[in-house]
Amino acid sequence: MSEATVLDELPGDLMMWVLIVSELLVFGAGLAAFLAVRATDPAGFAEAQSFLNRSAAGLNTVILVTSGFLAALALPLREAGRSGISRLALVAASLLGVLFLVIKAVEYSDKSALGIGWDSHPFFTFYYLLTGFHAAHVVAGIVILLLVGWRNAPRNIEVGTAFWHMVDLVWVLLFPVIYLLR
């Protein structure tokens, strides 16, 4: 009889956790670089930040956290024998992810209408890089949640929702650093 290790206790799949940790390290490095460059030009970063829509970003935070909550409900619902409701929770989480992307696209469009691009100021280079990379992860997460909803097995739900929670966590870190930190 072998002794269980910490890795045996992880929900889902070890390779998903390797992916999650590596993605968190990449986003962490991006945020660290953002803060380091910000320290060299706090006034310029504050001025550039004034062009952001904090209300839209705050709404997007509520949307992603709600989406994460719905995704978290999927496994206990599935284990309680309510597979259809579990699938519905995953689809609803995915649809909130789509709503997040729509709001982000409107935000990008507003910046474009003002003539603000990635090369307008170092703040916007980081803004587009970090939020765009995050948006790509939202797209991947939506696809994963929909696939998990289709193949509604408990292990699939664990793996898919772990990725989605990483997407939530990254946004919860990006939002205050990019939109609120002065």
N, C-alpha and C. Protein backbone atom coordinates (compact mmCIF):
# COMPACT_ATOMS: atom_id res chain seq x y z
N MET A 1 0.84 -1.18 0.00
CA MET A 1 0.00 0.00 0.00
C MET A 1 0.89 1.25 0.00
N SER A 2 0.71 2.11 -0.98
CA SER A 2 1.56 3.30 -1.09
C SER A 2 0.92 4.47 -0.35
N GLU A 3 1.77 5.35 0.11
CA GLU A 3 1.31 6.53 0.83
C GLU A 3 0.93 7.62 -0.17
N ALA A 4 -0.18 8.30 0.10
CA ALA A 4 -0.64 9.39 -0.78
C ALA A 4 0.29 10.59 -0.63
N THR A 5 0.54 11.27 -1.75
CA THR A 5 1.35 12.48 -1.73
C THR A 5 0.46 13.69 -1.94
N VAL A 6 1.03 14.85 -1.77
CA VAL A 6 0.29 16.09 -1.98
C VAL A 6 -0.24 16.14 -3.41
N LEU A 7 0.54 15.67 -4.37
CA LEU A 7 0.12 15.69 -5.77
C LEU A 7 -1.10 14.80 -5.99
N ASP A 8 -1.22 13.74 -5.21
CA ASP A 8 -2.38 12.86 -5.34
C ASP A 8 -3.66 13.54 -4.85
N GLU A 9 -3.51 14.55 -4.03
CA GLU A 9 -4.67 15.24 -3.46
C GLU A 9 -5.18 16.37 -4.34
N LEU A 10 -4.43 16.75 -5.38
CA LEU A 10 -4.88 17.82 -6.27
C LEU A 10 -6.13 17.39 -7.02
N PRO A 11 -7.12 18.26 -7.08
CA PRO A 11 -8.28 17.91 -7.90
C PRO A 11 -7.92 18.00 -9.38
N GLY A 12 -8.49 17.14 -10.17
CA GLY A 12 -8.26 17.22 -11.61
C GLY A 12 -7.00 16.50 -12.04
N ASP A 13 -6.24 17.16 -12.90
CA ASP A 13 -5.11 16.54 -13.57
C ASP A 13 -3.83 17.31 -13.29
N LEU A 14 -2.75 16.59 -13.02
CA LEU A 14 -1.47 17.23 -12.71
C LEU A 14 -1.01 18.15 -13.84
N MET A 15 -1.17 17.74 -15.09
CA MET A 15 -0.71 18.57 -16.20
C MET A 15 -1.49 19.88 -16.30
N MET A 16 -2.77 19.87 -15.93
CA MET A 16 -3.51 21.14 -15.89
C MET A 16 -2.91 22.04 -14.82
N TRP A 17 -2.51 21.48 -13.70
CA TRP A 17 -1.90 22.31 -12.66
C TRP A 17 -0.54 22.85 -13.10
N VAL A 18 0.20 22.07 -13.87
CA VAL A 18 1.47 22.57 -14.42
C VAL A 18 1.17 23.76 -15.34
N LEU A 19 0.16 23.63 -16.18
CA LEU A 19 -0.24 24.73 -17.07
C LEU A 19 -0.67 25.95 -16.26
N ILE A 20 -1.51 25.74 -15.25
CA ILE A 20 -2.01 26.85 -14.44
C ILE A 20 -0.87 27.59 -13.76
N VAL A 21 0.04 26.85 -13.14
CA VAL A 21 1.16 27.49 -12.46
C VAL A 21 2.03 28.24 -13.46
N SER A 22 2.28 27.66 -14.62
CA SER A 22 3.12 28.35 -15.62
C SER A 22 2.42 29.61 -16.12
N GLU A 23 1.12 29.57 -16.32
CA GLU A 23 0.39 30.77 -16.75
C GLU A 23 0.40 31.84 -15.66
N LEU A 24 0.25 31.43 -14.42
CA LEU A 24 0.31 32.41 -13.33
C LEU A 24 1.69 33.06 -13.25
N LEU A 25 2.73 32.28 -13.51
CA LEU A 25 4.09 32.85 -13.52
C LEU A 25 4.25 33.86 -14.66
N VAL A 26 3.70 33.55 -15.83
CA VAL A 26 3.78 34.47 -16.97
C VAL A 26 3.04 35.77 -16.65
N PHE A 27 1.81 35.66 -16.14
CA PHE A 27 1.06 36.87 -15.79
C PHE A 27 1.75 37.63 -14.65
N GLY A 28 2.31 36.89 -13.69
CA GLY A 28 3.03 37.54 -12.60
C GLY A 28 4.23 38.32 -13.11
N ALA A 29 4.96 37.76 -14.05
CA ALA A 29 6.11 38.46 -14.64
C ALA A 29 5.64 39.71 -15.39
N GLY A 30 4.51 39.59 -16.11
CA GLY A 30 3.96 40.76 -16.81
C GLY A 30 3.55 41.87 -15.85
N LEU A 31 2.91 41.49 -14.76
CA LEU A 31 2.52 42.49 -13.76
C LEU A 31 3.74 43.10 -13.08
N ALA A 32 4.75 42.30 -12.82
CA ALA A 32 5.98 42.83 -12.21
C ALA A 32 6.66 43.82 -13.16
N ALA A 33 6.70 43.50 -14.44
CA ALA A 33 7.29 44.41 -15.42
C ALA A 33 6.47 45.69 -15.51
N PHE A 34 5.14 45.57 -15.52
CA PHE A 34 4.26 46.74 -15.53
C PHE A 34 4.57 47.65 -14.35
N LEU A 35 4.65 47.07 -13.16
CA LEU A 35 4.91 47.88 -11.96
C LEU A 35 6.31 48.50 -11.98
N ALA A 36 7.29 47.78 -12.52
CA ALA A 36 8.65 48.32 -12.60
C ALA A 36 8.71 49.50 -13.55
N VAL A 37 8.08 49.38 -14.71
CA VAL A 37 8.08 50.48 -15.68
C VAL A 37 7.23 51.64 -15.14
N ARG A 38 6.14 51.32 -14.48
CA ARG A 38 5.29 52.35 -13.87
C ARG A 38 6.08 53.19 -12.87
N ALA A 39 6.97 52.55 -12.12
CA ALA A 39 7.78 53.26 -11.12
C ALA A 39 8.69 54.30 -11.76
N THR A 40 9.02 54.14 -13.04
CA THR A 40 9.88 55.10 -13.73
C THR A 40 9.11 56.30 -14.25
N ASP A 41 7.78 56.19 -14.35
CA ASP A 41 6.95 57.28 -14.89
C ASP A 41 5.56 57.26 -14.26
N PRO A 42 5.48 57.48 -12.94
CA PRO A 42 4.18 57.40 -12.28
C PRO A 42 3.17 58.43 -12.81
N ALA A 43 3.61 59.61 -13.14
CA ALA A 43 2.69 60.64 -13.64
C ALA A 43 2.15 60.26 -15.02
N GLY A 44 3.01 59.77 -15.89
CA GLY A 44 2.58 59.36 -17.22
C GLY A 44 1.62 58.18 -17.16
N PHE A 45 1.91 57.24 -16.27
CA PHE A 45 1.02 56.08 -16.12
C PHE A 45 -0.33 56.52 -15.55
N ALA A 46 -0.33 57.45 -14.60
CA ALA A 46 -1.59 57.93 -14.01
C ALA A 46 -2.42 58.65 -15.07
N GLU A 47 -1.76 59.46 -15.91
CA GLU A 47 -2.49 60.16 -16.97
C GLU A 47 -3.07 59.16 -17.98
N ALA A 48 -2.27 58.20 -18.38
CA ALA A 48 -2.76 57.19 -19.33
C ALA A 48 -3.90 56.38 -18.72
N GLN A 49 -3.76 56.05 -17.45
CA GLN A 49 -4.79 55.27 -16.76
C GLN A 49 -6.13 56.01 -16.72
N SER A 50 -6.09 57.32 -16.74
CA SER A 50 -7.33 58.10 -16.67
C SER A 50 -8.24 57.86 -17.89
N PHE A 51 -7.68 57.28 -18.95
CA PHE A 51 -8.48 56.97 -20.14
C PHE A 51 -9.21 55.63 -20.05
N LEU A 52 -8.97 54.89 -18.97
CA LEU A 52 -9.61 53.58 -18.81
C LEU A 52 -11.02 53.74 -18.25
N ASN A 53 -11.85 52.80 -18.56
CA ASN A 53 -13.22 52.77 -18.07
C ASN A 53 -13.28 51.84 -16.86
N ARG A 54 -13.13 52.43 -15.67
CA ARG A 54 -13.13 51.63 -14.44
C ARG A 54 -14.47 50.94 -14.19
N SER A 55 -15.55 51.60 -14.60
CA SER A 55 -16.88 51.01 -14.39
C SER A 55 -17.03 49.73 -15.22
N ALA A 56 -16.61 49.78 -16.46
CA ALA A 56 -16.68 48.58 -17.31
C ALA A 56 -15.80 47.48 -16.74
N ALA A 57 -14.61 47.83 -16.28
CA ALA A 57 -13.71 46.84 -15.71
C ALA A 57 -14.27 46.27 -14.41
N GLY A 58 -14.91 47.12 -13.61
CA GLY A 58 -15.55 46.64 -12.38
C GLY A 58 -16.69 45.69 -12.70
N LEU A 59 -17.49 46.04 -13.69
CA LEU A 59 -18.57 45.15 -14.13
C LEU A 59 -18.00 43.83 -14.62
N ASN A 60 -16.92 43.90 -15.38
CA ASN A 60 -16.29 42.67 -15.86
C ASN A 60 -15.78 41.80 -14.71
N THR A 61 -15.34 42.44 -13.63
CA THR A 61 -14.90 41.69 -12.45
C THR A 61 -16.07 40.93 -11.84
N VAL A 62 -17.20 41.61 -11.69
CA VAL A 62 -18.40 40.96 -11.16
C VAL A 62 -18.83 39.81 -12.07
N ILE A 63 -18.76 40.04 -13.37
CA ILE A 63 -19.16 39.01 -14.34
C ILE A 63 -18.27 37.78 -14.21
N LEU A 64 -16.95 37.97 -14.15
CA LEU A 64 -16.06 36.81 -14.08
C LEU A 64 -16.17 36.09 -12.75
N VAL A 65 -16.31 36.82 -11.66
CA VAL A 65 -16.45 36.17 -10.35
C VAL A 65 -17.76 35.37 -10.31
N THR A 66 -18.83 35.93 -10.86
CA THR A 66 -20.10 35.20 -10.93
C THR A 66 -19.96 33.97 -11.81
N SER A 67 -19.26 34.11 -12.91
CA SER A 67 -19.02 32.98 -13.79
C SER A 67 -18.25 31.88 -13.07
N GLY A 68 -17.24 32.28 -12.31
CA GLY A 68 -16.47 31.30 -11.53
C GLY A 68 -17.33 30.59 -10.50
N PHE A 69 -18.25 31.33 -9.88
CA PHE A 69 -19.18 30.73 -8.92
C PHE A 69 -20.06 29.67 -9.61
N LEU A 70 -20.58 30.02 -10.78
CA LEU A 70 -21.42 29.07 -11.51
C LEU A 70 -20.62 27.83 -11.91
N ALA A 71 -19.39 28.03 -12.34
CA ALA A 71 -18.53 26.89 -12.71
C ALA A 71 -18.27 26.02 -11.49
N ALA A 72 -18.08 26.65 -10.33
CA ALA A 72 -17.82 25.90 -9.09
C ALA A 72 -19.03 25.07 -8.68
N LEU A 73 -20.22 25.51 -9.04
CA LEU A 73 -21.43 24.75 -8.71
C LEU A 73 -21.57 23.48 -9.54
N ALA A 74 -20.92 23.44 -10.68
CA ALA A 74 -21.11 22.33 -11.63
C ALA A 74 -20.76 20.97 -11.04
N LEU A 75 -19.66 20.87 -10.32
CA LEU A 75 -19.25 19.56 -9.79
C LEU A 75 -20.19 19.06 -8.70
N PRO A 76 -20.51 19.87 -7.68
CA PRO A 76 -21.45 19.35 -6.69
C PRO A 76 -22.82 19.00 -7.29
N LEU A 77 -23.25 19.76 -8.28
CA LEU A 77 -24.51 19.44 -8.95
C LEU A 77 -24.42 18.10 -9.66
N ARG A 78 -23.31 17.89 -10.37
CA ARG A 78 -23.11 16.63 -11.10
C ARG A 78 -23.05 15.46 -10.13
N GLU A 79 -22.33 15.65 -9.00
CA GLU A 79 -22.20 14.57 -8.02
C GLU A 79 -23.52 14.28 -7.31
N ALA A 80 -24.42 15.26 -7.28
CA ALA A 80 -25.75 15.07 -6.69
C ALA A 80 -26.72 14.45 -7.69
N GLY A 81 -26.22 14.09 -8.88
CA GLY A 81 -27.07 13.45 -9.88
C GLY A 81 -27.87 14.44 -10.72
N ARG A 82 -27.51 15.70 -10.66
CA ARG A 82 -28.23 16.73 -11.42
C ARG A 82 -27.37 17.16 -12.60
N SER A 83 -27.11 16.23 -13.48
CA SER A 83 -26.22 16.44 -14.61
C SER A 83 -26.70 17.56 -15.53
N GLY A 84 -28.00 17.63 -15.78
CA GLY A 84 -28.53 18.68 -16.65
C GLY A 84 -28.31 20.07 -16.08
N ILE A 85 -28.54 20.23 -14.80
CA ILE A 85 -28.32 21.54 -14.14
C ILE A 85 -26.83 21.85 -14.10
N SER A 86 -26.01 20.82 -13.91
CA SER A 86 -24.56 20.99 -13.93
C SER A 86 -24.12 21.55 -15.28
N ARG A 87 -24.64 20.95 -16.35
CA ARG A 87 -24.32 21.43 -17.70
C ARG A 87 -24.78 22.88 -17.88
N LEU A 88 -25.97 23.17 -17.38
CA LEU A 88 -26.51 24.52 -17.49
C LEU A 88 -25.61 25.52 -16.77
N ALA A 89 -25.09 25.15 -15.60
CA ALA A 89 -24.18 26.03 -14.87
C ALA A 89 -22.92 26.31 -15.68
N LEU A 90 -22.40 25.28 -16.36
CA LEU A 90 -21.20 25.46 -17.18
C LEU A 90 -21.48 26.33 -18.41
N VAL A 91 -22.63 26.13 -19.02
CA VAL A 91 -23.01 26.96 -20.17
C VAL A 91 -23.21 28.41 -19.73
N ALA A 92 -23.86 28.62 -18.59
CA ALA A 92 -24.06 29.98 -18.07
C ALA A 92 -22.72 30.64 -17.76
N ALA A 93 -21.79 29.87 -17.17
CA ALA A 93 -20.45 30.40 -16.90
C ALA A 93 -19.78 30.81 -18.21
N SER A 94 -19.95 29.99 -19.25
CA SER A 94 -19.37 30.29 -20.56
C SER A 94 -19.99 31.55 -21.16
N LEU A 95 -21.30 31.67 -21.05
CA LEU A 95 -21.98 32.85 -21.60
C LEU A 95 -21.53 34.13 -20.88
N LEU A 96 -21.30 34.03 -19.58
CA LEU A 96 -20.76 35.20 -18.87
C LEU A 96 -19.34 35.52 -19.36
N GLY A 97 -18.59 34.49 -19.71
CA GLY A 97 -17.27 34.72 -20.31
C GLY A 97 -17.38 35.47 -21.62
N VAL A 98 -18.39 35.11 -22.43
CA VAL A 98 -18.63 35.82 -23.69
C VAL A 98 -19.00 37.28 -23.40
N LEU A 99 -19.83 37.50 -22.40
CA LEU A 99 -20.21 38.87 -22.03
C LEU A 99 -18.98 39.67 -21.60
N PHE A 100 -18.08 39.05 -20.85
CA PHE A 100 -16.82 39.68 -20.47
C PHE A 100 -16.07 40.15 -21.71
N LEU A 101 -15.98 39.28 -22.72
CA LEU A 101 -15.26 39.61 -23.95
C LEU A 101 -15.93 40.73 -24.73
N VAL A 102 -17.26 40.76 -24.73
CA VAL A 102 -17.98 41.83 -25.42
C VAL A 102 -17.66 43.18 -24.76
N ILE A 103 -17.70 43.21 -23.44
CA ILE A 103 -17.39 44.45 -22.72
C ILE A 103 -15.94 44.85 -22.97
N LYS A 104 -15.04 43.89 -22.99
CA LYS A 104 -13.62 44.19 -23.25
C LYS A 104 -13.46 44.72 -24.67
N ALA A 105 -14.19 44.16 -25.63
CA ALA A 105 -14.12 44.63 -27.02
C ALA A 105 -14.62 46.06 -27.13
N VAL A 106 -15.69 46.40 -26.41
CA VAL A 106 -16.20 47.77 -26.41
C VAL A 106 -15.14 48.70 -25.81
N GLU A 107 -14.50 48.25 -24.77
CA GLU A 107 -13.45 49.05 -24.14
C GLU A 107 -12.29 49.29 -25.12
N TYR A 108 -11.87 48.25 -25.82
CA TYR A 108 -10.81 48.40 -26.82
C TYR A 108 -11.26 49.34 -27.94
N SER A 109 -12.49 49.21 -28.36
CA SER A 109 -13.03 50.06 -29.42
C SER A 109 -13.04 51.53 -29.00
N ASP A 110 -13.41 51.78 -27.76
CA ASP A 110 -13.40 53.15 -27.24
C ASP A 110 -11.99 53.74 -27.26
N LYS A 111 -11.00 52.93 -26.90
CA LYS A 111 -9.61 53.41 -26.93
C LYS A 111 -9.19 53.71 -28.38
N SER A 112 -9.57 52.84 -29.28
CA SER A 112 -9.23 53.02 -30.68
C SER A 112 -9.85 54.30 -31.23
N ALA A 113 -11.10 54.58 -30.86
CA ALA A 113 -11.78 55.80 -31.31
C ALA A 113 -11.06 57.05 -30.82
N LEU A 114 -10.38 56.94 -29.69
CA LEU A 114 -9.61 58.06 -29.15
C LEU A 114 -8.19 58.13 -29.74
N GLY A 115 -7.89 57.17 -30.62
CA GLY A 115 -6.55 57.14 -31.22
C GLY A 115 -5.51 56.52 -30.30
N ILE A 116 -5.96 55.77 -29.28
CA ILE A 116 -5.04 55.16 -28.33
C ILE A 116 -4.75 53.73 -28.77
N GLY A 117 -3.49 53.48 -29.04
CA GLY A 117 -3.06 52.14 -29.44
C GLY A 117 -2.00 51.62 -28.49
N TRP A 118 -1.50 50.45 -28.79
CA TRP A 118 -0.49 49.83 -27.93
C TRP A 118 0.79 50.66 -27.85
N ASP A 119 1.02 51.48 -28.88
CA ASP A 119 2.26 52.26 -28.93
C ASP A 119 2.07 53.71 -28.48
N SER A 120 0.90 54.06 -27.93
CA SER A 120 0.64 55.43 -27.49
C SER A 120 1.46 55.81 -26.26
N HIS A 121 1.67 54.87 -25.38
CA HIS A 121 2.41 55.09 -24.13
C HIS A 121 2.75 53.71 -23.57
N PRO A 122 3.85 53.57 -22.84
CA PRO A 122 4.17 52.26 -22.25
C PRO A 122 3.03 51.66 -21.42
N PHE A 123 2.24 52.52 -20.76
CA PHE A 123 1.08 52.03 -20.02
C PHE A 123 0.18 51.21 -20.94
N PHE A 124 -0.11 51.74 -22.13
CA PHE A 124 -1.01 51.06 -23.04
C PHE A 124 -0.38 49.82 -23.68
N THR A 125 0.94 49.81 -23.79
CA THR A 125 1.62 48.60 -24.26
C THR A 125 1.31 47.46 -23.29
N PHE A 126 1.50 47.74 -22.00
CA PHE A 126 1.20 46.72 -20.99
C PHE A 126 -0.29 46.44 -20.90
N TYR A 127 -1.11 47.48 -20.98
CA TYR A 127 -2.56 47.32 -20.90
C TYR A 127 -3.05 46.34 -21.96
N TYR A 128 -2.68 46.59 -23.22
CA TYR A 128 -3.13 45.71 -24.30
C TYR A 128 -2.50 44.32 -24.21
N LEU A 129 -1.23 44.26 -23.84
CA LEU A 129 -0.56 42.98 -23.73
C LEU A 129 -1.20 42.12 -22.64
N LEU A 130 -1.34 42.67 -21.46
CA LEU A 130 -1.87 41.89 -20.33
C LEU A 130 -3.36 41.57 -20.47
N THR A 131 -4.15 42.58 -20.83
CA THR A 131 -5.59 42.31 -20.94
C THR A 131 -5.90 41.50 -22.19
N GLY A 132 -5.12 41.68 -23.25
CA GLY A 132 -5.32 40.87 -24.46
C GLY A 132 -4.93 39.42 -24.24
N PHE A 133 -3.83 39.19 -23.55
CA PHE A 133 -3.41 37.82 -23.23
C PHE A 133 -4.45 37.17 -22.32
N HIS A 134 -4.98 37.96 -21.39
CA HIS A 134 -6.04 37.44 -20.52
C HIS A 134 -7.29 37.11 -21.34
N ALA A 135 -7.66 37.99 -22.26
CA ALA A 135 -8.83 37.73 -23.11
C ALA A 135 -8.66 36.44 -23.91
N ALA A 136 -7.45 36.17 -24.37
CA ALA A 136 -7.19 34.91 -25.08
C ALA A 136 -7.44 33.72 -24.16
N HIS A 137 -7.09 33.87 -22.89
CA HIS A 137 -7.35 32.80 -21.92
C HIS A 137 -8.85 32.67 -21.64
N VAL A 138 -9.57 33.78 -21.67
CA VAL A 138 -11.02 33.71 -21.51
C VAL A 138 -11.61 32.90 -22.66
N VAL A 139 -11.17 33.17 -23.88
CA VAL A 139 -11.65 32.41 -25.04
C VAL A 139 -11.37 30.92 -24.84
N ALA A 140 -10.14 30.59 -24.46
CA ALA A 140 -9.78 29.18 -24.23
C ALA A 140 -10.65 28.58 -23.12
N GLY A 141 -10.87 29.35 -22.07
CA GLY A 141 -11.69 28.87 -20.96
C GLY A 141 -13.13 28.62 -21.36
N ILE A 142 -13.67 29.49 -22.20
CA ILE A 142 -15.04 29.29 -22.69
C ILE A 142 -15.13 27.96 -23.45
N VAL A 143 -14.17 27.72 -24.32
CA VAL A 143 -14.15 26.47 -25.09
C VAL A 143 -14.04 25.28 -24.14
N ILE A 144 -13.16 25.37 -23.17
CA ILE A 144 -12.98 24.28 -22.20
C ILE A 144 -14.27 24.03 -21.43
N LEU A 145 -14.91 25.09 -20.93
CA LEU A 145 -16.15 24.91 -20.17
C LEU A 145 -17.25 24.28 -21.02
N LEU A 146 -17.33 24.68 -22.27
CA LEU A 146 -18.35 24.10 -23.15
C LEU A 146 -18.05 22.62 -23.44
N LEU A 147 -16.79 22.29 -23.64
CA LEU A 147 -16.42 20.88 -23.84
C LEU A 147 -16.70 20.06 -22.58
N VAL A 148 -16.40 20.63 -21.43
CA VAL A 148 -16.66 19.95 -20.16
C VAL A 148 -18.16 19.78 -19.96
N GLY A 149 -18.94 20.78 -20.34
CA GLY A 149 -20.39 20.65 -20.25
C GLY A 149 -20.91 19.54 -21.15
N TRP A 150 -20.29 19.38 -22.29
CA TRP A 150 -20.68 18.33 -23.22
C TRP A 150 -20.27 16.96 -22.67
N ARG A 151 -19.05 16.86 -22.18
CA ARG A 151 -18.52 15.63 -21.58
C ARG A 151 -18.51 15.80 -20.07
N ASN A 152 -19.68 15.73 -19.49
CA ASN A 152 -19.96 16.14 -18.11
C ASN A 152 -19.53 15.12 -17.06
N ALA A 153 -18.30 14.65 -17.12
CA ALA A 153 -17.78 13.72 -16.11
C ALA A 153 -17.13 14.52 -14.98
N PRO A 154 -17.20 14.02 -13.75
CA PRO A 154 -16.63 14.77 -12.62
C PRO A 154 -15.16 15.18 -12.82
N ARG A 155 -14.34 14.29 -13.32
CA ARG A 155 -12.92 14.64 -13.52
C ARG A 155 -12.78 15.77 -14.54
N ASN A 156 -13.56 15.71 -15.61
CA ASN A 156 -13.52 16.78 -16.61
C ASN A 156 -13.93 18.12 -15.98
N ILE A 157 -14.95 18.08 -15.15
CA ILE A 157 -15.40 19.31 -14.50
C ILE A 157 -14.30 19.87 -13.61
N GLU A 158 -13.64 19.00 -12.85
CA GLU A 158 -12.53 19.45 -11.98
C GLU A 158 -11.44 20.13 -12.79
N VAL A 159 -11.04 19.50 -13.88
CA VAL A 159 -9.94 20.03 -14.70
C VAL A 159 -10.36 21.34 -15.37
N GLY A 160 -11.53 21.36 -15.99
CA GLY A 160 -11.98 22.55 -16.70
C GLY A 160 -12.22 23.74 -15.79
N THR A 161 -12.83 23.48 -14.63
CA THR A 161 -13.10 24.60 -13.73
C THR A 161 -11.82 25.10 -13.06
N ALA A 162 -10.83 24.23 -12.89
CA ALA A 162 -9.55 24.69 -12.35
C ALA A 162 -8.94 25.74 -13.30
N PHE A 163 -8.99 25.47 -14.59
CA PHE A 163 -8.49 26.44 -15.57
C PHE A 163 -9.30 27.74 -15.49
N TRP A 164 -10.63 27.61 -15.43
CA TRP A 164 -11.48 28.80 -15.39
C TRP A 164 -11.21 29.64 -14.14
N HIS A 165 -10.95 28.98 -13.01
CA HIS A 165 -10.64 29.72 -11.79
C HIS A 165 -9.30 30.45 -11.91
N MET A 166 -8.37 29.88 -12.67
CA MET A 166 -7.11 30.59 -12.93
C MET A 166 -7.39 31.86 -13.73
N VAL A 167 -8.28 31.77 -14.70
CA VAL A 167 -8.66 32.94 -15.51
C VAL A 167 -9.28 34.00 -14.60
N ASP A 168 -10.16 33.58 -13.69
CA ASP A 168 -10.75 34.51 -12.72
C ASP A 168 -9.68 35.16 -11.86
N LEU A 169 -8.80 34.34 -11.32
CA LEU A 169 -7.76 34.84 -10.42
C LEU A 169 -6.89 35.87 -11.12
N VAL A 170 -6.50 35.59 -12.34
CA VAL A 170 -5.65 36.54 -13.08
C VAL A 170 -6.37 37.88 -13.23
N TRP A 171 -7.66 37.85 -13.57
CA TRP A 171 -8.40 39.11 -13.71
C TRP A 171 -8.50 39.85 -12.38
N VAL A 172 -8.70 39.11 -11.30
CA VAL A 172 -8.81 39.73 -9.97
C VAL A 172 -7.48 40.40 -9.60
N LEU A 173 -6.38 39.95 -10.17
CA LEU A 173 -5.08 40.60 -9.96
C LEU A 173 -4.86 41.75 -10.95
N LEU A 174 -5.25 41.54 -12.21
CA LEU A 174 -5.07 42.59 -13.22
C LEU A 174 -5.92 43.83 -12.93
N PHE A 175 -7.15 43.60 -12.56
CA PHE A 175 -8.09 44.72 -12.36
C PHE A 175 -7.55 45.78 -11.41
N PRO A 176 -7.15 45.46 -10.19
CA PRO A 176 -6.68 46.54 -9.31
C PRO A 176 -5.36 47.14 -9.75
N VAL A 177 -4.46 46.32 -10.28
CA VAL A 177 -3.14 46.83 -10.65
C VAL A 177 -3.25 47.77 -11.85
N ILE A 178 -4.01 47.39 -12.86
CA ILE A 178 -4.10 48.20 -14.07
C ILE A 178 -5.10 49.34 -13.93
N TYR A 179 -6.25 49.06 -13.34
CA TYR A 179 -7.34 50.04 -13.34
C TYR A 179 -7.39 50.93 -12.10
N LEU A 180 -6.92 50.45 -10.96
CA LEU A 180 -7.14 51.18 -9.71
C LEU A 180 -5.89 51.74 -9.06
N LEU A 181 -4.77 51.05 -9.19
CA LEU A 181 -3.54 51.46 -8.51
C LEU A 181 -3.08 52.82 -9.01
N ARG A 182 -2.90 53.74 -8.11
CA ARG A 182 -2.46 55.09 -8.48
C ARG A 182 -1.06 55.35 -8.00
